[in-house]
PDB file of N, CA and C in Angstrom:
ATOM      1  N   MET A   1     -70.539  44.200 -77.115  1.00  0.00           N
ATOM      2  CA  MET A   1     -69.679  43.580 -76.144  1.00  0.00           C
ATOM      3  C   MET A   1     -70.544  42.933 -75.058  1.00  0.00           C
ATOM      4  N   SER A   2     -70.181  41.737 -74.700  1.00  0.00           N
ATOM      5  CA  SER A   2     -70.875  41.024 -73.634  1.00  0.00           C
ATOM      6  C   SER A   2     -70.303  41.445 -72.283  1.00  0.00           C
ATOM      7  N   VAL A   3     -71.174  41.842 -71.373  1.00  0.00           N
ATOM      8  CA  VAL A   3     -70.769  42.286 -70.039  1.00  0.00           C
ATOM      9  C   VAL A   3     -71.552  41.472 -69.016  1.00  0.00           C
ATOM     10  N   THR A   4     -70.837  40.975 -68.012  1.00  0.00           N
ATOM     11  CA  THR A   4     -71.453  40.229 -66.920  1.00  0.00           C
ATOM     12  C   THR A   4     -71.097  40.903 -65.616  1.00  0.00           C
ATOM     13  N   ILE A   5     -72.089  41.053 -64.745  1.00  0.00           N
ATOM     14  CA  ILE A   5     -71.838  41.574 -63.405  1.00  0.00           C
ATOM     15  C   ILE A   5     -72.219  40.500 -62.396  1.00  0.00           C
ATOM     16  N   TYR A   6     -71.278  40.176 -61.532  1.00  0.00           N
ATOM     17  CA  TYR A   6     -71.536  39.285 -60.407  1.00  0.00           C
ATOM     18  C   TYR A   6     -72.023  40.201 -59.300  1.00  0.00           C
ATOM     19  N   HIS A   7     -73.314  40.122 -59.054  1.00  0.00           N
ATOM     20  CA  HIS A   7     -74.065  41.158 -58.365  1.00  0.00           C
ATOM     21  C   HIS A   7     -74.720  40.650 -57.093  1.00  0.00           C
ATOM     22  N   ASN A   8     -74.726  41.522 -56.078  1.00  0.00           N
ATOM     23  CA  ASN A   8     -75.498  41.296 -54.857  1.00  0.00           C
ATOM     24  C   ASN A   8     -76.443  42.489 -54.743  1.00  0.00           C
ATOM     25  N   PRO A   9     -77.740  42.297 -54.998  1.00  0.00           N
ATOM     26  CA  PRO A   9     -78.663  43.430 -54.996  1.00  0.00           C
ATOM     27  C   PRO A   9     -78.796  44.126 -53.645  1.00  0.00           C
ATOM     28  N   LYS A  10     -78.336  43.512 -52.566  1.00  0.00           N
ATOM     29  CA  LYS A  10     -78.398  44.139 -51.245  1.00  0.00           C
ATOM     30  C   LYS A  10     -77.208  45.055 -50.981  1.00  0.00           C
ATOM     31  N   CYS A  11     -76.214  45.018 -51.863  1.00  0.00           N
ATOM     32  CA  CYS A  11     -74.978  45.789 -51.686  1.00  0.00           C
ATOM     33  C   CYS A  11     -75.066  47.106 -52.456  1.00  0.00           C
ATOM     34  N   GLY A  12     -74.853  48.218 -51.761  1.00  0.00           N
ATOM     35  CA  GLY A  12     -74.911  49.532 -52.381  1.00  0.00           C
ATOM     36  C   GLY A  12     -73.899  49.700 -53.506  1.00  0.00           C
ATOM     37  N   LYS A  13     -72.660  49.257 -53.311  1.00  0.00           N
ATOM     38  CA  LYS A  13     -71.638  49.382 -54.365  1.00  0.00           C
ATOM     39  C   LYS A  13     -72.032  48.568 -55.595  1.00  0.00           C
ATOM     40  N   SER A  14     -72.618  47.408 -55.346  1.00  0.00           N
ATOM     41  CA  SER A  14     -73.050  46.570 -56.457  1.00  0.00           C
ATOM     42  C   SER A  14     -74.185  47.239 -57.221  1.00  0.00           C
ATOM     43  N   ARG A  15     -75.151  47.793 -56.516  1.00  0.00           N
ATOM     44  CA  ARG A  15     -76.259  48.513 -57.178  1.00  0.00           C
ATOM     45  C   ARG A  15     -75.735  49.722 -57.943  1.00  0.00           C
ATOM     46  N   ASP A  16     -74.804  50.475 -57.332  1.00  0.00           N
ATOM     47  CA  ASP A  16     -74.228  51.649 -58.002  1.00  0.00           C
ATOM     48  C   ASP A  16     -73.486  51.252 -59.271  1.00  0.00           C
ATOM     49  N   THR A  17     -72.755  50.146 -59.209  1.00  0.00           N
ATOM     50  CA  THR A  17     -72.005  49.674 -60.369  1.00  0.00           C
ATOM     51  C   THR A  17     -72.960  49.263 -61.486  1.00  0.00           C
ATOM     52  N   LEU A  18     -74.024  48.561 -61.135  1.00  0.00           N
ATOM     53  CA  LEU A  18     -75.008  48.162 -62.135  1.00  0.00           C
ATOM     54  C   LEU A  18     -75.633  49.393 -62.792  1.00  0.00           C
ATOM     55  N   LYS A  19     -75.982  50.404 -62.008  1.00  0.00           N
ATOM     56  CA  LYS A  19     -76.553  51.641 -62.563  1.00  0.00           C
ATOM     57  C   LYS A  19     -75.573  52.319 -63.510  1.00  0.00           C
ATOM     58  N   LEU A  20     -74.301  52.337 -63.152  1.00  0.00           N
ATOM     59  CA  LEU A  20     -73.273  52.952 -63.985  1.00  0.00           C
ATOM     60  C   LEU A  20     -73.170  52.235 -65.328  1.00  0.00           C
ATOM     61  N   ILE A  21     -73.191  50.918 -65.293  1.00  0.00           N
ATOM     62  CA  ILE A  21     -73.127  50.129 -66.534  1.00  0.00           C
ATOM     63  C   ILE A  21     -74.348  50.419 -67.401  1.00  0.00           C
ATOM     64  N   GLU A  22     -75.520  50.396 -66.778  1.00  0.00           N
ATOM     65  CA  GLU A  22     -76.753  50.638 -67.529  1.00  0.00           C
ATOM     66  C   GLU A  22     -76.810  52.060 -68.072  1.00  0.00           C
ATOM     67  N   ALA A  23     -76.235  53.022 -67.356  1.00  0.00           N
ATOM     68  CA  ALA A  23     -76.195  54.409 -67.829  1.00  0.00           C
ATOM     69  C   ALA A  23     -75.349  54.540 -69.097  1.00  0.00           C
ATOM     70  N   LYS A  24     -74.446  53.595 -69.322  1.00  0.00           N
ATOM     71  CA  LYS A  24     -73.630  53.569 -70.542  1.00  0.00           C
ATOM     72  C   LYS A  24     -74.374  52.908 -71.700  1.00  0.00           C
ATOM     73  N   GLY A  25     -75.639  52.526 -71.448  1.00  0.00           N
ATOM     74  CA  GLY A  25     -76.437  51.889 -72.489  1.00  0.00           C
ATOM     75  C   GLY A  25     -76.163  50.404 -72.636  1.00  0.00           C
ATOM     76  N   ILE A  26     -75.521  49.823 -71.654  1.00  0.00           N
ATOM     77  CA  ILE A  26     -75.169  48.402 -71.694  1.00  0.00           C
ATOM     78  C   ILE A  26     -76.172  47.625 -70.846  1.00  0.00           C
ATOM     79  N   ARG A  27     -76.648  46.538 -71.403  1.00  0.00           N
ATOM     80  CA  ARG A  27     -77.543  45.645 -70.659  1.00  0.00           C
ATOM     81  C   ARG A  27     -76.731  44.423 -70.262  1.00  0.00           C
ATOM     82  N   PRO A  28     -76.180  44.417 -69.065  1.00  0.00           N
ATOM     83  CA  PRO A  28     -75.305  43.313 -68.680  1.00  0.00           C
ATOM     84  C   PRO A  28     -76.081  42.048 -68.318  1.00  0.00           C
ATOM     85  N   ARG A  29     -75.390  40.955 -68.413  1.00  0.00           N
ATOM     86  CA  ARG A  29     -75.893  39.703 -67.839  1.00  0.00           C
ATOM     87  C   ARG A  29     -75.675  39.828 -66.337  1.00  0.00           C
ATOM     88  N   ILE A  30     -76.733  39.667 -65.566  1.00  0.00           N
ATOM     89  CA  ILE A  30     -76.654  39.831 -64.121  1.00  0.00           C
ATOM     90  C   ILE A  30     -76.641  38.450 -63.476  1.00  0.00           C
ATOM     91  N   VAL A  31     -75.565  38.162 -62.744  1.00  0.00           N
ATOM     92  CA  VAL A  31     -75.449  36.898 -62.025  1.00  0.00           C
ATOM     93  C   VAL A  31     -75.525  37.221 -60.539  1.00  0.00           C
ATOM     94  N   GLU A  32     -76.602  36.811 -59.906  1.00  0.00           N
ATOM     95  CA  GLU A  32     -76.706  36.974 -58.455  1.00  0.00           C
ATOM     96  C   GLU A  32     -75.898  35.838 -57.841  1.00  0.00           C
ATOM     97  N   TYR A  33     -74.626  36.119 -57.609  1.00  0.00           N
ATOM     98  CA  TYR A  33     -73.678  35.074 -57.263  1.00  0.00           C
ATOM     99  C   TYR A  33     -73.956  34.424 -55.904  1.00  0.00           C
ATOM    100  N   LEU A  34     -74.766  35.056 -55.056  1.00  0.00           N
ATOM    101  CA  LEU A  34     -75.129  34.394 -53.801  1.00  0.00           C
ATOM    102  C   LEU A  34     -76.074  33.228 -54.068  1.00  0.00           C
ATOM    103  N   LYS A  35     -76.885  33.344 -55.107  1.00  0.00           N
ATOM    104  CA  LYS A  35     -77.801  32.275 -55.496  1.00  0.00           C
ATOM    105  C   LYS A  35     -77.144  31.304 -56.468  1.00  0.00           C
ATOM    106  N   THR A  36     -76.304  31.842 -57.351  1.00  0.00           N
ATOM    107  CA  THR A  36     -75.672  31.048 -58.405  1.00  0.00           C
ATOM    108  C   THR A  36     -74.189  31.400 -58.485  1.00  0.00           C
ATOM    109  N   PRO A  37     -73.379  30.842 -57.573  1.00  0.00           N
ATOM    110  CA  PRO A  37     -71.952  31.160 -57.640  1.00  0.00           C
ATOM    111  C   PRO A  37     -71.314  30.557 -58.896  1.00  0.00           C
ATOM    112  N   PRO A  38     -70.226  31.157 -59.350  1.00  0.00           N
ATOM    113  CA  PRO A  38     -69.536  30.585 -60.511  1.00  0.00           C
ATOM    114  C   PRO A  38     -68.928  29.230 -60.136  1.00  0.00           C
ATOM    115  N   SER A  39     -68.611  28.455 -61.143  1.00  0.00           N
ATOM    116  CA  SER A  39     -67.891  27.201 -60.896  1.00  0.00           C
ATOM    117  C   SER A  39     -66.464  27.554 -60.493  1.00  0.00           C
ATOM    118  N   ALA A  40     -65.742  26.574 -59.990  1.00  0.00           N
ATOM    119  CA  ALA A  40     -64.341  26.806 -59.621  1.00  0.00           C
ATOM    120  C   ALA A  40     -63.535  27.258 -60.840  1.00  0.00           C
ATOM    121  N   ALA A  41     -63.784  26.630 -61.981  1.00  0.00           N
ATOM    122  CA  ALA A  41     -63.051  27.009 -63.201  1.00  0.00           C
ATOM    123  C   ALA A  41     -63.380  28.444 -63.609  1.00  0.00           C
ATOM    124  N   GLU A  42     -64.662  28.816 -63.548  1.00  0.00           N
ATOM    125  CA  GLU A  42     -65.058  30.187 -63.893  1.00  0.00           C
ATOM    126  C   GLU A  42     -64.423  31.185 -62.919  1.00  0.00           C
ATOM    127  N   PHE A  43     -64.439  30.856 -61.636  1.00  0.00           N
ATOM    128  CA  PHE A  43     -63.888  31.769 -60.633  1.00  0.00           C
ATOM    129  C   PHE A  43     -62.376  31.939 -60.815  1.00  0.00           C
ATOM    130  N   LYS A  44     -61.689  30.854 -61.116  1.00  0.00           N
ATOM    131  CA  LYS A  44     -60.244  30.946 -61.375  1.00  0.00           C
ATOM    132  C   LYS A  44     -59.974  31.827 -62.589  1.00  0.00           C
ATOM    133  N   GLN A  45     -60.817  31.711 -63.618  1.00  0.00           N
ATOM    134  CA  GLN A  45     -60.651  32.559 -64.811  1.00  0.00           C
ATOM    135  C   GLN A  45     -60.889  34.017 -64.457  1.00  0.00           C
ATOM    136  N   ILE A  46     -61.908  34.297 -63.653  1.00  0.00           N
ATOM    137  CA  ILE A  46     -62.189  35.667 -63.221  1.00  0.00           C
ATOM    138  C   ILE A  46     -61.008  36.222 -62.438  1.00  0.00           C
ATOM    139  N   LEU A  47     -60.458  35.424 -61.538  1.00  0.00           N
ATOM    140  CA  LEU A  47     -59.293  35.867 -60.764  1.00  0.00           C
ATOM    141  C   LEU A  47     -58.116  36.181 -61.685  1.00  0.00           C
ATOM    142  N   GLU A  48     -57.920  35.343 -62.699  1.00  0.00           N
ATOM    143  CA  GLU A  48     -56.839  35.589 -63.662  1.00  0.00           C
ATOM    144  C   GLU A  48     -57.066  36.912 -64.386  1.00  0.00           C
ATOM    145  N   TRP A  49     -58.302  37.157 -64.839  1.00  0.00           N
ATOM    146  CA  TRP A  49     -58.622  38.410 -65.529  1.00  0.00           C
ATOM    147  C   TRP A  49     -58.462  39.608 -64.604  1.00  0.00           C
ATOM    148  N   LEU A  50     -58.761  39.421 -63.309  1.00  0.00           N
ATOM    149  CA  LEU A  50     -58.557  40.498 -62.338  1.00  0.00           C
ATOM    150  C   LEU A  50     -57.074  40.707 -62.040  1.00  0.00           C
ATOM    151  N   GLY A  51     -56.278  39.656 -62.260  1.00  0.00           N
ATOM    152  CA  GLY A  51     -54.853  39.725 -61.956  1.00  0.00           C
ATOM    153  C   GLY A  51     -54.566  39.614 -60.464  1.00  0.00           C
ATOM    154  N   VAL A  52     -55.418  38.863 -59.754  1.00  0.00           N
ATOM    155  CA  VAL A  52     -55.275  38.729 -58.305  1.00  0.00           C
ATOM    156  C   VAL A  52     -55.467  37.273 -57.891  1.00  0.00           C
ATOM    157  N   GLY A  53     -55.146  36.996 -56.639  1.00  0.00           N
ATOM    158  CA  GLY A  53     -55.427  35.697 -56.055  1.00  0.00           C
ATOM    159  C   GLY A  53     -56.734  35.751 -55.281  1.00  0.00           C
ATOM    160  N   ALA A  54     -57.189  34.600 -54.840  1.00  0.00           N
ATOM    161  CA  ALA A  54     -58.464  34.516 -54.122  1.00  0.00           C
ATOM    162  C   ALA A  54     -58.469  35.377 -52.862  1.00  0.00           C
ATOM    163  N   ARG A  55     -57.355  35.433 -52.143  1.00  0.00           N
ATOM    164  CA  ARG A  55     -57.285  36.235 -50.913  1.00  0.00           C
ATOM    165  C   ARG A  55     -57.575  37.712 -51.162  1.00  0.00           C
ATOM    166  N   ASP A  56     -57.271  38.164 -52.380  1.00  0.00           N
ATOM    167  CA  ASP A  56     -57.463  39.577 -52.712  1.00  0.00           C
ATOM    168  C   ASP A  56     -58.929  39.960 -52.892  1.00  0.00           C
ATOM    169  N   VAL A  57     -59.804  38.982 -53.059  1.00  0.00           N
ATOM    170  CA  VAL A  57     -61.231  39.266 -53.184  1.00  0.00           C
ATOM    171  C   VAL A  57     -62.022  38.592 -52.057  1.00  0.00           C
ATOM    172  N   LEU A  58     -61.332  38.330 -50.964  1.00  0.00           N
ATOM    173  CA  LEU A  58     -61.947  37.706 -49.795  1.00  0.00           C
ATOM    174  C   LEU A  58     -62.384  38.774 -48.813  1.00  0.00           C
ATOM    175  N   ARG A  59     -63.644  38.759 -48.457  1.00  0.00           N
ATOM    176  CA  ARG A  59     -64.179  39.666 -47.444  1.00  0.00           C
ATOM    177  C   ARG A  59     -63.815  39.057 -46.087  1.00  0.00           C
ATOM    178  N   ARG A  60     -62.869  39.674 -45.402  1.00  0.00           N
ATOM    179  CA  ARG A  60     -62.292  39.090 -44.180  1.00  0.00           C
ATOM    180  C   ARG A  60     -63.309  38.885 -43.067  1.00  0.00           C
ATOM    181  N   LYS A  61     -64.158  39.866 -42.831  1.00  0.00           N
ATOM    182  CA  LYS A  61     -65.140  39.746 -41.746  1.00  0.00           C
ATOM    183  C   LYS A  61     -66.080  38.567 -42.002  1.00  0.00           C
ATOM    184  N   GLU A  62     -66.613  38.502 -43.219  1.00  0.00           N
ATOM    185  CA  GLU A  62     -67.521  37.418 -43.572  1.00  0.00           C
ATOM    186  C   GLU A  62     -66.807  36.070 -43.562  1.00  0.00           C
ATOM    187  N   ALA A  63     -65.530  36.061 -43.962  1.00  0.00           N
ATOM    188  CA  ALA A  63     -64.760  34.819 -43.920  1.00  0.00           C
ATOM    189  C   ALA A  63     -64.652  34.313 -42.481  1.00  0.00           C
ATOM    190  N   ALA A  64     -64.331  35.211 -41.564  1.00  0.00           N
ATOM    191  CA  ALA A  64     -64.231  34.829 -40.147  1.00  0.00           C
ATOM    192  C   ALA A  64     -65.572  34.319 -39.637  1.00  0.00           C
ATOM    193  N   GLU A  65     -66.643  34.990 -40.016  1.00  0.00           N
ATOM    194  CA  GLU A  65     -67.987  34.581 -39.578  1.00  0.00           C
ATOM    195  C   GLU A  65     -68.368  33.203 -40.116  1.00  0.00           C
ATOM    196  N   ASN A  66     -67.777  32.818 -41.250  1.00  0.00           N
ATOM    197  CA  ASN A  66     -68.082  31.526 -41.860  1.00  0.00           C
ATOM    198  C   ASN A  66     -66.994  30.483 -41.627  1.00  0.00           C
ATOM    199  N   GLY A  67     -66.045  30.793 -40.727  1.00  0.00           N
ATOM    200  CA  GLY A  67     -65.010  29.834 -40.363  1.00  0.00           C
ATOM    201  C   GLY A  67     -64.009  29.546 -41.464  1.00  0.00           C
ATOM    202  N   ILE A  68     -63.781  30.519 -42.337  1.00  0.00           N
ATOM    203  CA  ILE A  68     -62.843  30.336 -43.447  1.00  0.00           C
ATOM    204  C   ILE A  68     -61.508  30.968 -43.083  1.00  0.00           C
ATOM    205  N   ASP A  69     -60.466  30.165 -43.109  1.00  0.00           N
ATOM    206  CA  ASP A  69     -59.118  30.620 -42.793  1.00  0.00           C
ATOM    207  C   ASP A  69     -58.475  31.185 -44.060  1.00  0.00           C
ATOM    208  N   PRO A  70     -58.145  32.476 -44.079  1.00  0.00           N
ATOM    209  CA  PRO A  70     -57.533  33.074 -45.272  1.00  0.00           C
ATOM    210  C   PRO A  70     -56.188  32.445 -45.644  1.00  0.00           C
ATOM    211  N   ALA A  71     -55.592  31.700 -44.733  1.00  0.00           N
ATOM    212  CA  ALA A  71     -54.291  31.088 -44.997  1.00  0.00           C
ATOM    213  C   ALA A  71     -54.410  29.745 -45.719  1.00  0.00           C
ATOM    214  N   LEU A  72     -55.617  29.310 -46.024  1.00  0.00           N
ATOM    215  CA  LEU A  72     -55.789  28.054 -46.756  1.00  0.00           C
ATOM    216  C   LEU A  72     -55.043  28.110 -48.083  1.00  0.00           C
ATOM    217  N   PRO A  73     -54.576  26.960 -48.569  1.00  0.00           N
ATOM    218  CA  PRO A  73     -54.011  26.942 -49.924  1.00  0.00           C
ATOM    219  C   PRO A  73     -55.051  27.445 -50.929  1.00  0.00           C
ATOM    220  N   GLU A  74     -54.598  28.036 -52.010  1.00  0.00           N
ATOM    221  CA  GLU A  74     -55.470  28.704 -52.984  1.00  0.00           C
ATOM    222  C   GLU A  74     -56.668  27.855 -53.413  1.00  0.00           C
ATOM    223  N   ASP A  75     -56.450  26.604 -53.823  1.00  0.00           N
ATOM    224  CA  ASP A  75     -57.566  25.784 -54.298  1.00  0.00           C
ATOM    225  C   ASP A  75     -58.583  25.513 -53.197  1.00  0.00           C
ATOM    226  N   ARG A  76     -58.121  25.286 -51.988  1.00  0.00           N
ATOM    227  CA  ARG A  76     -59.047  25.054 -50.878  1.00  0.00           C
ATOM    228  C   ARG A  76     -59.776  26.343 -50.500  1.00  0.00           C
ATOM    229  N   LEU A  77     -59.080  27.466 -50.590  1.00  0.00           N
ATOM    230  CA  LEU A  77     -59.707  28.755 -50.309  1.00  0.00           C
ATOM    231  C   LEU A  77     -60.805  29.038 -51.340  1.00  0.00           C
ATOM    232  N   ILE A  78     -60.513  28.779 -52.597  1.00  0.00           N
ATOM    233  CA  ILE A  78     -61.515  28.974 -53.646  1.00  0.00           C
ATOM    234  C   ILE A  78     -62.737  28.101 -53.378  1.00  0.00           C
ATOM    235  N   ALA A  79     -62.520  26.843 -53.037  1.00  0.00           N
ATOM    236  CA  ALA A  79     -63.641  25.939 -52.745  1.00  0.00           C
ATOM    237  C   ALA A  79     -64.474  26.471 -51.578  1.00  0.00           C
ATOM    238  N   ALA A  80     -63.813  26.959 -50.537  1.00  0.00           N
ATOM    239  CA  ALA A  80     -64.526  27.507 -49.376  1.00  0.00           C
ATOM    240  C   ALA A  80     -65.304  28.766 -49.761  1.00  0.00           C
ATOM    241  N   MET A  81     -64.693  29.603 -50.579  1.00  0.00           N
ATOM    242  CA  MET A  81     -65.355  30.834 -51.013  1.00  0.00           C
ATOM    243  C   MET A  81     -66.598  30.532 -51.843  1.00  0.00           C
ATOM    244  N   LEU A  82     -66.520  29.528 -52.691  1.00  0.00           N
ATOM    245  CA  LEU A  82     -67.664  29.188 -53.527  1.00  0.00           C
ATOM    246  C   LEU A  82     -68.752  28.475 -52.730  1.00  0.00           C
ATOM    247  N   ALA A  83     -68.359  27.807 -51.661  1.00  0.00           N
ATOM    248  CA  ALA A  83     -69.342  27.180 -50.771  1.00  0.00           C
ATOM    249  C   ALA A  83     -70.070  28.236 -49.937  1.00  0.00           C
ATOM    250  N   HIS A  84     -69.395  29.373 -49.701  1.00  0.00           N
ATOM    251  CA  HIS A  84     -69.947  30.492 -48.929  1.00  0.00           C
ATOM    252  C   HIS A  84     -69.721  31.777 -49.725  1.00  0.00           C
ATOM    253  N   PRO A  85     -70.455  31.979 -50.823  1.00  0.00           N
ATOM    254  CA  PRO A  85     -70.157  33.094 -51.724  1.00  0.00           C
ATOM    255  C   PRO A  85     -70.306  34.481 -51.096  1.00  0.00           C
ATOM    256  N   ILE A  86     -70.926  34.579 -49.927  1.00  0.00           N
ATOM    257  CA  ILE A  86     -71.028  35.879 -49.253  1.00  0.00           C
ATOM    258  C   ILE A  86     -69.646  36.442 -48.936  1.00  0.00           C
ATOM    259  N   VAL A  87     -68.626  35.594 -48.927  1.00  0.00           N
ATOM    260  CA  VAL A  87     -67.276  36.050 -48.590  1.00  0.00           C
ATOM    261  C   VAL A  87     -66.528  36.622 -49.796  1.00  0.00           C
ATOM    262  N   ILE A  88     -67.134  36.560 -50.984  1.00  0.00           N
ATOM    263  CA  ILE A  88     -66.487  37.088 -52.196  1.00  0.00           C
ATOM    264  C   ILE A  88     -66.794  38.582 -52.306  1.00  0.00           C
ATOM    265  N   GLU A  89     -65.751  39.369 -52.488  1.00  0.00           N
ATOM    266  CA  GLU A  89     -65.918  40.822 -52.672  1.00  0.00           C
ATOM    267  C   GLU A  89     -66.764  41.074 -53.903  1.00  0.00           C
ATOM    268  N   ARG A  90     -67.548  42.126 -53.858  1.00  0.00           N
ATOM    269  CA  ARG A  90     -68.447  42.438 -54.961  1.00  0.00           C
ATOM    270  C   ARG A  90     -68.494  43.927 -55.200  1.00  0.00           C
ATOM    271  N   PRO A  91     -69.011  44.257 -56.377  1.00  0.00           N
ATOM    272  CA  PRO A  91     -69.339  43.431 -57.533  1.00  0.00           C
ATOM    273  C   PRO A  91     -68.105  43.193 -58.388  1.00  0.00           C
ATOM    274  N   ILE A  92     -68.152  42.141 -59.155  1.00  0.00           N
ATOM    275  CA  ILE A  92     -67.115  41.872 -60.146  1.00  0.00           C
ATOM    276  C   ILE A  92     -67.775  41.971 -61.512  1.00  0.00           C
ATOM    277  N   VAL A  93     -67.150  42.735 -62.392  1.00  0.00           N
ATOM    278  CA  VAL A  93     -67.671  42.922 -63.750  1.00  0.00           C
ATOM    279  C   VAL A  93     -66.672  42.315 -64.728  1.00  0.00           C
ATOM    280  N   VAL A  94     -67.195  41.542 -65.674  1.00  0.00           N
ATOM    281  CA  VAL A  94     -66.380  40.878 -66.688  1.00  0.00           C
ATOM    282  C   VAL A  94     -66.833  41.373 -68.059  1.00  0.00           C
ATOM    283  N   ALA A  95     -65.857  41.750 -68.884  1.00  0.00           N
ATOM    284  CA  ALA A  95     -66.154  42.208 -70.248  1.00  0.00           C
ATOM    285  C   ALA A  95     -64.924  42.001 -71.126  1.00  0.00           C
ATOM    286  N   GLY A  96     -65.123  41.371 -72.254  1.00  0.00           N
ATOM    287  CA  GLY A  96     -64.047  41.235 -73.232  1.00  0.00           C
ATOM    288  C   GLY A  96     -62.793  40.567 -72.706  1.00  0.00           C
ATOM    289  N   GLY A  97     -62.942  39.537 -71.902  1.00  0.00           N
ATOM    290  CA  GLY A  97     -61.775  38.827 -71.388  1.00  0.00           C
ATOM    291  C   GLY A  97     -61.001  39.605 -70.341  1.00  0.00           C
ATOM    292  N   ARG A  98     -61.654  40.580 -69.734  1.00  0.00           N
ATOM    293  CA  ARG A  98     -61.045  41.344 -68.647  1.00  0.00           C
ATOM    294  C   ARG A  98     -62.064  41.463 -67.530  1.00  0.00           C
ATOM    295  N   ALA A  99     -61.589  41.776 -66.343  1.00  0.00           N
ATOM    296  CA  ALA A  99     -62.504  41.917 -65.210  1.00  0.00           C
ATOM    297  C   ALA A  99     -62.019  43.039 -64.306  1.00  0.00           C
ATOM    298  N   ARG A 100     -62.966  43.637 -63.597  1.00  0.00           N
ATOM    299  CA  ARG A 100     -62.651  44.664 -62.609  1.00  0.00           C
ATOM    300  C   ARG A 100     -63.594  44.506 -61.435  1.00  0.00           C
ATOM    301  N   LEU A 101     -63.084  44.829 -60.269  1.00  0.00           N
ATOM    302  CA  LEU A 101     -63.886  44.888 -59.060  1.00  0.00           C
ATOM    303  C   LEU A 101     -64.474  46.290 -58.984  1.00  0.00           C
ATOM    304  N   GLY A 102     -65.771  46.373 -58.780  1.00  0.00           N
ATOM    305  CA  GLY A 102     -66.450  47.672 -58.767  1.00  0.00           C
ATOM    306  C   GLY A 102     -66.320  48.407 -57.452  1.00  0.00           C
ATOM    307  N   ARG A 103     -65.109  48.590 -56.999  1.00  0.00           N
ATOM    308  CA  ARG A 103     -64.822  49.328 -55.764  1.00  0.00           C
ATOM    309  C   ARG A 103     -63.669  50.273 -56.047  1.00  0.00           C
ATOM    310  N   PRO A 104     -63.940  51.503 -56.319  1.00  0.00           N
ATOM    311  CA  PRO A 104     -65.245  52.141 -56.479  1.00  0.00           C
ATOM    312  C   PRO A 104     -65.884  51.725 -57.802  1.00  0.00           C
ATOM    313  N   PRO A 105     -67.176  51.979 -57.954  1.00  0.00           N
ATOM    314  CA  PRO A 105     -67.872  51.560 -59.169  1.00  0.00           C
ATOM    315  C   PRO A 105     -67.221  52.029 -60.460  1.00  0.00           C
ATOM    316  N   GLU A 106     -66.614  53.204 -60.448  1.00  0.00           N
ATOM    317  CA  GLU A 106     -65.998  53.755 -61.666  1.00  0.00           C
ATOM    318  C   GLU A 106     -64.849  52.912 -62.199  1.00  0.00           C
ATOM    319  N   LYS A 107     -64.293  52.019 -61.385  1.00  0.00           N
ATOM    320  CA  LYS A 107     -63.200  51.137 -61.847  1.00  0.00           C
ATOM    321  C   LYS A 107     -63.630  50.280 -63.026  1.00  0.00           C
ATOM    322  N   VAL A 108     -64.920  49.956 -63.111  1.00  0.00           N
ATOM    323  CA  VAL A 108     -65.372  49.081 -64.199  1.00  0.00           C
ATOM    324  C   VAL A 108     -65.350  49.792 -65.545  1.00  0.00           C
ATOM    325  N   LEU A 109     -65.321  51.112 -65.538  1.00  0.00           N
ATOM    326  CA  LEU A 109     -65.274  51.858 -66.803  1.00  0.00           C
ATOM    327  C   LEU A 109     -64.011  51.523 -67.599  1.00  0.00           C
ATOM    328  N   GLU A 110     -62.966  51.065 -66.914  1.00  0.00           N
ATOM    329  CA  GLU A 110     -61.707  50.711 -67.584  1.00  0.00           C
ATOM    330  C   GLU A 110     -61.876  49.585 -68.601  1.00  0.00           C
ATOM    331  N   ILE A 111     -62.908  48.754 -68.421  1.00  0.00           N
ATOM    332  CA  ILE A 111     -63.064  47.603 -69.313  1.00  0.00           C
ATOM    333  C   ILE A 111     -64.320  47.697 -70.189  1.00  0.00           C
ATOM    334  N   LEU A 112     -65.076  48.767 -70.064  1.00  0.00           N
ATOM    335  CA  LEU A 112     -66.299  48.895 -70.869  1.00  0.00           C
ATOM    336  C   LEU A 112     -66.032  49.643 -72.161  1.00  0.00           C
TER     337      LEU A 112
END
């Protein structure tokens, strides 16, 4: 099974989630999304797999710090989030056409 983690190595939850995946013997594709954010189409697909809208994975404090209004229409909010990926909640793990937010890290076990 192909597993991808949208990872921020400075984030404790993200590091814990990566360790949990690796402890299962899985070598995930690691995307440091701060350096390489997904495209708008990829992000929309991830949101669909998560079953949420962009606001649900928006880090409010970071959004405010970056001048992003959470009330923006969905497409504009997505564009703003991808322009400032620090505002995207992390980590997000994708496997088999499903996705989970690793908060807490054990949530990703549902799709592995």
